[in-house]
Protein backbone atom coordinates (compact mmCIF):
# COMPACT_ATOMS: atom_id res chain seq x y z
CA MET A 1 83.28 85.15 86.60
CA ILE A 2 80.03 86.46 87.63
CA ARG A 3 77.22 87.55 85.16
CA ILE A 4 74.47 89.82 86.58
CA LYS A 5 71.67 91.05 84.18
CA ARG A 6 73.77 91.62 81.11
CA CYS A 7 76.60 93.37 83.11
CA LYS A 8 79.83 91.37 82.80
CA ILE A 9 82.09 91.27 85.91
CA ASN A 10 85.28 89.62 86.34
CA ILE A 11 86.96 89.52 89.91
CA SER A 12 90.59 88.23 89.70
CA TYR A 13 92.93 86.72 92.17
CA GLY A 14 95.76 84.26 92.20
CA ALA A 15 99.47 84.24 91.00
CA ASP A 16 100.42 87.44 89.12
CA SER A 17 101.36 85.79 85.96
CA CYS A 18 97.89 83.86 85.70
CA VAL A 19 96.10 86.92 86.82
CA LEU A 20 97.73 89.13 84.10
CA ALA A 21 96.51 86.71 81.39
CA THR A 22 93.09 86.51 82.77
CA VAL A 23 92.74 90.20 83.25
CA PHE A 24 93.92 91.11 79.85
CA ALA A 25 91.49 88.38 78.35
CA ALA A 26 88.56 89.86 80.22
CA VAL A 27 89.45 93.27 79.12
CA ASP A 28 89.70 92.23 75.52
CA ARG A 29 86.13 90.86 75.92
CA GLY A 30 84.65 93.87 77.36
CA TYR A 31 84.55 93.03 80.92
CA ARG A 32 84.90 95.42 83.77
CA VAL A 33 87.76 93.97 86.01
CA TYR A 34 88.07 94.15 89.65
CA LEU A 35 91.69 92.98 90.88
CA VAL A 36 91.67 91.91 94.42
CA THR A 37 95.23 93.34 95.32
CA ASP A 38 95.67 91.49 98.42
CA ALA A 39 94.86 88.12 96.86
CA VAL A 40 97.36 88.42 94.05
CA CYS A 41 100.67 86.89 94.86
CA SER A 42 104.18 87.32 93.21
CA SER A 43 107.71 85.78 93.49
CA SER A 44 108.80 89.23 94.71
CA ASP A 45 107.26 92.55 96.16
CA GLU A 46 108.84 94.58 93.43
CA GLY A 47 107.05 92.11 90.84
CA HIS A 48 103.78 92.75 92.67
CA ASP A 49 104.00 96.42 92.84
CA ALA A 50 105.25 96.74 89.09
CA LEU A 51 102.18 94.67 87.94
CA LEU A 52 99.69 96.80 90.13
CA GLY A 53 101.42 100.04 88.97
CA LEU A 54 100.82 98.83 85.20
CA TYR A 55 97.11 98.26 85.97
CA HIS A 56 96.69 101.71 87.48
CA ARG A 57 98.73 103.60 84.86
CA ARG A 58 97.63 101.96 81.59
CA TYR A 59 94.14 100.30 82.36
CA SER A 60 92.56 102.37 84.86
CA GLN A 61 89.32 102.71 82.81
CA GLN A 62 89.00 98.87 82.56
CA ILE A 63 90.68 97.50 85.75
CA GLN A 64 89.74 98.70 89.24
CA THR A 65 91.97 97.43 92.03
CA ILE A 66 90.15 96.66 95.36
CA THR A 67 90.95 94.76 98.54
CA ALA A 68 89.48 91.53 99.81
CA ALA A 69 87.83 93.44 102.65
CA GLU A 70 86.19 95.99 100.09
CA VAL A 71 84.87 92.80 98.09
CA LEU A 72 83.51 91.15 101.22
CA GLU A 73 81.89 94.61 102.38
CA SER A 74 80.15 95.15 98.98
CA TRP A 75 78.64 91.59 99.08
CA ARG A 76 76.93 92.34 102.56
CA PHE A 77 73.14 92.28 102.54
């Protein structure tokens, strides 16, 4: 978790069930969440796609999906 000048940012990655719990907890606390899609694993491609679809359909105001390359590019100085 990263805090920058009163802004609350959560960047999530890992196993899909762990990420789901972390993402919803962060949203409940008012964080803007960036989900690194190619850094989230699942036991199946269908499960992975279903979870990403949920984030897009229901939580697009609180959760933004991005790739690892986009994270690295945004951190360049």
